[in-house]
């Protein structure tokens, strides 16, 4: 038959389980996806001249 675990033993196991759970959560929160290559900083925009109504492609770096 199983015997009852004494109170200090239960508290020690509970504390150890809580510490392991918190450590796992912290590690999981910090283990995000790695950063990829930097995206291109060139933006392609279309500018419409209000006077003529024509559009001309412009490339600018911001």
PDB file of N, CA and C in Angstrom:
ATOM      1  N   UNK A   1       0.842  -1.171   0.000  1.00  0.00           N
ATOM      2  CA  UNK A   1       0.000   0.000   0.000  1.00  0.00           C
ATOM      3  C   UNK A   1       0.898   1.248   0.000  1.00  0.00           C
ATOM      4  N   UNK A   2       0.415   2.331  -0.624  1.00  0.00           N
ATOM      5  CA  UNK A   2       1.172   3.573  -0.664  1.00  0.00           C
ATOM      6  C   UNK A   2       1.039   4.323   0.657  1.00  0.00           C
ATOM      7  N   UNK A   3       2.139   4.903   1.063  1.00  0.00           N
ATOM      8  CA  UNK A   3       2.115   5.691   2.295  1.00  0.00           C
ATOM      9  C   UNK A   3       1.964   7.163   1.948  1.00  0.00           C
ATOM     10  N   UNK A   4       1.417   7.914   2.882  1.00  0.00           N
ATOM     11  CA  UNK A   4       1.290   9.358   2.696  1.00  0.00           C
ATOM     12  C   UNK A   4       2.661  10.004   2.747  1.00  0.00           C
ATOM     13  N   UNK A   5       2.869  10.978   1.855  1.00  0.00           N
ATOM     14  CA  UNK A   5       4.116  11.728   1.855  1.00  0.00           C
ATOM     15  C   UNK A   5       4.032  12.799   2.931  1.00  0.00           C
ATOM     16  N   UNK A   6       5.112  12.992   3.628  1.00  0.00           N
ATOM     17  CA  UNK A   6       5.104  14.002   4.679  1.00  0.00           C
ATOM     18  C   UNK A   6       4.968  15.404   4.086  1.00  0.00           C
ATOM     19  N   UNK A   7       4.532  16.342   4.875  1.00  0.00           N
ATOM     20  CA  UNK A   7       4.251  17.703   4.412  1.00  0.00           C
ATOM     21  C   UNK A   7       5.476  18.395   3.815  1.00  0.00           C
ATOM     22  N   UNK A   8       6.649  18.363   4.454  1.00  0.00           N
ATOM     23  CA  UNK A   8       7.810  19.027   3.823  1.00  0.00           C
ATOM     24  C   UNK A   8       8.173  18.413   2.471  1.00  0.00           C
ATOM     25  N   UNK A   9       7.994  17.131   2.319  1.00  0.00           N
ATOM     26  CA  UNK A   9       8.284  16.492   1.036  1.00  0.00           C
ATOM     27  C   UNK A   9       7.331  16.952  -0.044  1.00  0.00           C
ATOM     28  N   UNK A  10       6.042  17.076   0.302  1.00  0.00           N
ATOM     29  CA  UNK A  10       5.064  17.570  -0.675  1.00  0.00           C
ATOM     30  C   UNK A  10       5.355  19.010  -1.054  1.00  0.00           C
ATOM     31  N   UNK A  11       5.707  19.828  -0.068  1.00  0.00           N
ATOM     32  CA  UNK A  11       6.016  21.229  -0.362  1.00  0.00           C
ATOM     33  C   UNK A  11       7.256  21.348  -1.241  1.00  0.00           C
ATOM     34  N   UNK A  12       8.256  20.509  -0.987  1.00  0.00           N
ATOM     35  CA  UNK A  12       9.472  20.540  -1.798  1.00  0.00           C
ATOM     36  C   UNK A  12       9.182  20.140  -3.234  1.00  0.00           C
ATOM     37  N   UNK A  13       8.411  19.080  -3.421  1.00  0.00           N
ATOM     38  CA  UNK A  13       8.060  18.658  -4.784  1.00  0.00           C
ATOM     39  C   UNK A  13       7.206  19.702  -5.484  1.00  0.00           C
ATOM     40  N   UNK A  14       6.288  20.322  -4.759  1.00  0.00           N
ATOM     41  CA  UNK A  14       5.453  21.363  -5.357  1.00  0.00           C
ATOM     42  C   UNK A  14       6.265  22.575  -5.777  1.00  0.00           C
ATOM     43  N   UNK A  15       7.216  22.970  -4.917  1.00  0.00           N
ATOM     44  CA  UNK A  15       8.071  24.110  -5.227  1.00  0.00           C
ATOM     45  C   UNK A  15       8.954  23.796  -6.443  1.00  0.00           C
ATOM     46  N   UNK A  16       9.491  22.582  -6.494  1.00  0.00           N
ATOM     47  CA  UNK A  16      10.324  22.191  -7.629  1.00  0.00           C
ATOM     48  C   UNK A  16       9.495  22.181  -8.919  1.00  0.00           C
ATOM     49  N   UNK A  17       8.274  21.676  -8.857  1.00  0.00           N
ATOM     50  CA  UNK A  17       7.417  21.651 -10.047  1.00  0.00           C
ATOM     51  C   UNK A  17       7.072  23.067 -10.503  1.00  0.00           C
ATOM     52  N   UNK A  18       6.809  23.964  -9.560  1.00  0.00           N
ATOM     53  CA  UNK A  18       6.496  25.349  -9.912  1.00  0.00           C
ATOM     54  C   UNK A  18       7.700  26.031 -10.542  1.00  0.00           C
ATOM     55  N   UNK A  19       8.883  25.776 -10.006  1.00  0.00           N
ATOM     56  CA  UNK A  19      10.096  26.374 -10.548  1.00  0.00           C
ATOM     57  C   UNK A  19      10.361  25.879 -11.972  1.00  0.00           C
ATOM     58  N   UNK A  20      10.157  24.595 -12.207  1.00  0.00           N
ATOM     59  CA  UNK A  20      10.341  24.047 -13.549  1.00  0.00           C
ATOM     60  C   UNK A  20       9.310  24.632 -14.512  1.00  0.00           C
ATOM     61  N   UNK A  21       8.077  24.802 -14.059  1.00  0.00           N
ATOM     62  CA  UNK A  21       7.032  25.352 -14.930  1.00  0.00           C
ATOM     63  C   UNK A  21       7.337  26.802 -15.306  1.00  0.00           C
ATOM     64  N   UNK A  22       7.765  27.597 -14.335  1.00  0.00           N
ATOM     65  CA  UNK A  22       8.084  29.004 -14.615  1.00  0.00           C
ATOM     66  C   UNK A  22       9.274  29.090 -15.560  1.00  0.00           C
ATOM     67  N   UNK A  23      10.288  28.261 -15.346  1.00  0.00           N
ATOM     68  CA  UNK A  23      11.453  28.258 -16.224  1.00  0.00           C
ATOM     69  C   UNK A  23      11.061  27.890 -17.647  1.00  0.00           C
ATOM     70  N   UNK A  24      10.196  26.898 -17.793  1.00  0.00           N
ATOM     71  CA  UNK A  24       9.748  26.495 -19.124  1.00  0.00           C
ATOM     72  C   UNK A  24       8.974  27.616 -19.812  1.00  0.00           C
ATOM     73  N   UNK A  25       8.142  28.325 -19.065  1.00  0.00           N
ATOM     74  CA  UNK A  25       7.371  29.423 -19.652  1.00  0.00           C
ATOM     75  C   UNK A  25       8.271  30.573 -20.083  1.00  0.00           C
ATOM     76  N   UNK A  26       9.264  30.896 -19.263  1.00  0.00           N
ATOM     77  CA  UNK A  26      10.182  31.990 -19.603  1.00  0.00           C
ATOM     78  C   UNK A  26      10.994  31.624 -20.842  1.00  0.00           C
ATOM     79  N   UNK A  27      11.483  30.394 -20.890  1.00  0.00           N
ATOM     80  CA  UNK A  27      12.255  29.975 -22.062  1.00  0.00           C
ATOM     81  C   UNK A  27      11.382  29.959 -23.318  1.00  0.00           C
ATOM     82  N   UNK A  28      10.147  29.537 -23.195  1.00  0.00           N
ATOM     83  CA  UNK A  28       9.254  29.502 -24.350  1.00  0.00           C
ATOM     84  C   UNK A  28       8.928  30.912 -24.836  1.00  0.00           C
ATOM     85  N   UNK A  29       8.798  31.851 -23.912  1.00  0.00           N
ATOM     86  CA  UNK A  29       8.477  33.225 -24.299  1.00  0.00           C
ATOM     87  C   UNK A  29       9.651  33.883 -25.016  1.00  0.00           C
ATOM     88  N   UNK A  30      10.871  33.516 -24.639  1.00  0.00           N
ATOM     89  CA  UNK A  30      12.051  34.122 -25.254  1.00  0.00           C
ATOM     90  C   UNK A  30      12.473  33.424 -26.532  1.00  0.00           C
ATOM     91  N   UNK A  31      11.929  32.274 -26.825  1.00  0.00           N
ATOM     92  CA  UNK A  31      12.333  31.509 -28.006  1.00  0.00           C
ATOM     93  C   UNK A  31      11.394  31.821 -29.162  1.00  0.00           C
ATOM     94  N   UNK A  32      11.433  33.057 -29.631  1.00  0.00           N
ATOM     95  CA  UNK A  32      10.604  33.452 -30.758  1.00  0.00           C
ATOM     96  C   UNK A  32      11.277  33.088 -32.064  1.00  0.00           C
ATOM     97  N   UNK A  33      10.646  33.397 -33.163  1.00  0.00           N
ATOM     98  CA  UNK A  33      11.256  33.101 -34.457  1.00  0.00           C
ATOM     99  C   UNK A  33      12.509  33.944 -34.664  1.00  0.00           C
ATOM    100  N   UNK A  34      13.466  33.387 -35.387  1.00  0.00           N
ATOM    101  CA  UNK A  34      14.690  34.132 -35.644  1.00  0.00           C
ATOM    102  C   UNK A  34      14.414  35.206 -36.680  1.00  0.00           C
ATOM    103  N   UNK A  35      15.241  36.206 -36.673  1.00  0.00           N
ATOM    104  CA  UNK A  35      15.074  37.296 -37.634  1.00  0.00           C
ATOM    105  C   UNK A  35      15.616  36.880 -38.985  1.00  0.00           C
ATOM    106  N   UNK A  36      14.885  37.228 -40.007  1.00  0.00           N
ATOM    107  CA  UNK A  36      15.330  36.937 -41.364  1.00  0.00           C
ATOM    108  C   UNK A  36      16.210  38.062 -41.874  1.00  0.00           C
ATOM    109  N   UNK A  37      16.481  38.018 -43.134  1.00  0.00           N
ATOM    110  CA  UNK A  37      17.267  39.085 -43.746  1.00  0.00           C
ATOM    111  C   UNK A  37      16.464  40.377 -43.715  1.00  0.00           C
ATOM    112  N   UNK A  38      17.168  41.480 -43.670  1.00  0.00           N
ATOM    113  CA  UNK A  38      16.500  42.780 -43.653  1.00  0.00           C
ATOM    114  C   UNK A  38      15.732  42.977 -44.959  1.00  0.00           C
ATOM    115  N   UNK A  39      14.512  43.460 -44.868  1.00  0.00           N
ATOM    116  CA  UNK A  39      13.764  43.711 -46.103  1.00  0.00           C
ATOM    117  C   UNK A  39      14.386  44.869 -46.885  1.00  0.00           C
ATOM    118  N   UNK A  40      14.111  44.871 -48.145  1.00  0.00           N
ATOM    119  CA  UNK A  40      14.627  45.936 -48.998  1.00  0.00           C
ATOM    120  C   UNK A  40      14.042  47.269 -48.541  1.00  0.00           C
ATOM    121  N   UNK A  41      14.865  48.288 -48.516  1.00  0.00           N
ATOM    122  CA  UNK A  41      14.397  49.593 -48.058  1.00  0.00           C
ATOM    123  C   UNK A  41      13.865  50.430 -49.209  1.00  0.00           C
ATOM    124  N   UNK A  42      13.830  49.900 -50.411  1.00  0.00           N
ATOM    125  CA  UNK A  42      13.325  50.634 -51.573  1.00  0.00           C
ATOM    126  C   UNK A  42      11.815  50.484 -51.648  1.00  0.00           C
ATOM    127  N   UNK A  43      11.143  51.596 -51.789  1.00  0.00           N
ATOM    128  CA  UNK A  43       9.692  51.576 -51.917  1.00  0.00           C
ATOM    129  C   UNK A  43       9.320  52.034 -53.324  1.00  0.00           C
ATOM    130  N   UNK A  44       8.418  51.321 -53.931  1.00  0.00           N
ATOM    131  CA  UNK A  44       7.941  51.704 -55.254  1.00  0.00           C
ATOM    132  C   UNK A  44       6.588  52.393 -55.079  1.00  0.00           C
ATOM    133  N   UNK A  45       6.509  53.605 -55.522  1.00  0.00           N
ATOM    134  CA  UNK A  45       5.264  54.361 -55.410  1.00  0.00           C
ATOM    135  C   UNK A  45       4.890  54.916 -56.776  1.00  0.00           C
ATOM    136  N   UNK A  46       3.646  55.207 -56.906  1.00  0.00           N
ATOM    137  CA  UNK A  46       3.167  55.834 -58.143  1.00  0.00           C
ATOM    138  C   UNK A  46       2.694  57.237 -57.793  1.00  0.00           C
ATOM    139  N   UNK A  47       3.211  58.190 -58.508  1.00  0.00           N
ATOM    140  CA  UNK A  47       2.860  59.583 -58.266  1.00  0.00           C
ATOM    141  C   UNK A  47       1.948  60.068 -59.390  1.00  0.00           C
ATOM    142  N   UNK A  48       0.825  60.638 -59.002  1.00  0.00           N
ATOM    143  CA  UNK A  48      -0.092  61.198 -59.998  1.00  0.00           C
ATOM    144  C   UNK A  48       0.043  62.710 -59.941  1.00  0.00           C
ATOM    145  N   UNK A  49       0.366  63.283 -61.087  1.00  0.00           N
ATOM    146  CA  UNK A  49       0.496  64.737 -61.176  1.00  0.00           C
ATOM    147  C   UNK A  49      -0.898  65.347 -61.253  1.00  0.00           C
ATOM    148  N   UNK A  50      -1.296  66.152 -60.252  1.00  0.00           N
ATOM    149  CA  UNK A  50      -2.656  66.699 -60.252  1.00  0.00           C
ATOM    150  C   UNK A  50      -2.935  67.610 -61.448  1.00  0.00           C
ATOM    151  N   UNK A  51      -1.902  68.228 -61.999  1.00  0.00           N
ATOM    152  CA  UNK A  51      -2.122  69.133 -63.123  1.00  0.00           C
ATOM    153  C   UNK A  51      -2.464  68.399 -64.409  1.00  0.00           C
ATOM    154  N   UNK A  52      -1.778  67.310 -64.700  1.00  0.00           N
ATOM    155  CA  UNK A  52      -1.980  66.601 -65.961  1.00  0.00           C
ATOM    156  C   UNK A  52      -2.797  65.331 -65.780  1.00  0.00           C
ATOM    157  N   UNK A  53      -2.822  64.795 -64.576  1.00  0.00           N
ATOM    158  CA  UNK A  53      -3.558  63.567 -64.336  1.00  0.00           C
ATOM    159  C   UNK A  53      -2.790  62.328 -64.759  1.00  0.00           C
ATOM    160  N   UNK A  54      -1.569  62.522 -65.265  1.00  0.00           N
ATOM    161  CA  UNK A  54      -0.781  61.354 -65.682  1.00  0.00           C
ATOM    162  C   UNK A  54      -0.013  60.810 -64.479  1.00  0.00           C
ATOM    163  N   UNK A  55       0.304  59.556 -64.575  1.00  0.00           N
ATOM    164  CA  UNK A  55       1.052  58.942 -63.481  1.00  0.00           C
ATOM    165  C   UNK A  55       2.460  58.598 -63.964  1.00  0.00           C
ATOM    166  N   UNK A  56       3.389  58.707 -63.066  1.00  0.00           N
ATOM    167  CA  UNK A  56       4.776  58.358 -63.367  1.00  0.00           C
ATOM    168  C   UNK A  56       5.309  57.562 -62.178  1.00  0.00           C
ATOM    169  N   UNK A  57       5.949  56.441 -62.471  1.00  0.00           N
ATOM    170  CA  UNK A  57       6.493  55.594 -61.401  1.00  0.00           C
ATOM    171  C   UNK A  57       7.700  56.289 -60.782  1.00  0.00           C
ATOM    172  N   UNK A  58       7.738  56.318 -59.484  1.00  0.00           N
ATOM    173  CA  UNK A  58       8.865  56.918 -58.785  1.00  0.00           C
ATOM    174  C   UNK A  58       9.414  55.895 -57.800  1.00  0.00           C
ATOM    175  N   UNK A  59      10.698  55.859 -57.647  1.00  0.00           N
ATOM    176  CA  UNK A  59      11.331  54.991 -56.671  1.00  0.00           C
ATOM    177  C   UNK A  59      12.072  55.883 -55.691  1.00  0.00           C
ATOM    178  N   UNK A  60      11.789  55.686 -54.426  1.00  0.00           N
ATOM    179  CA  UNK A  60      12.436  56.519 -53.422  1.00  0.00           C
ATOM    180  C   UNK A  60      12.897  55.666 -52.254  1.00  0.00           C
ATOM    181  N   UNK A  61      13.919  56.104 -51.592  1.00  0.00           N
ATOM    182  CA  UNK A  61      14.418  55.417 -50.405  1.00  0.00           C
ATOM    183  C   UNK A  61      14.065  56.275 -49.203  1.00  0.00           C
ATOM    184  N   UNK A  62      13.412  55.645 -48.229  1.00  0.00           N
ATOM    185  CA  UNK A  62      13.022  56.402 -47.039  1.00  0.00           C
ATOM    186  C   UNK A  62      13.790  55.942 -45.862  1.00  0.00           C
TER     187      UNK A  62
END
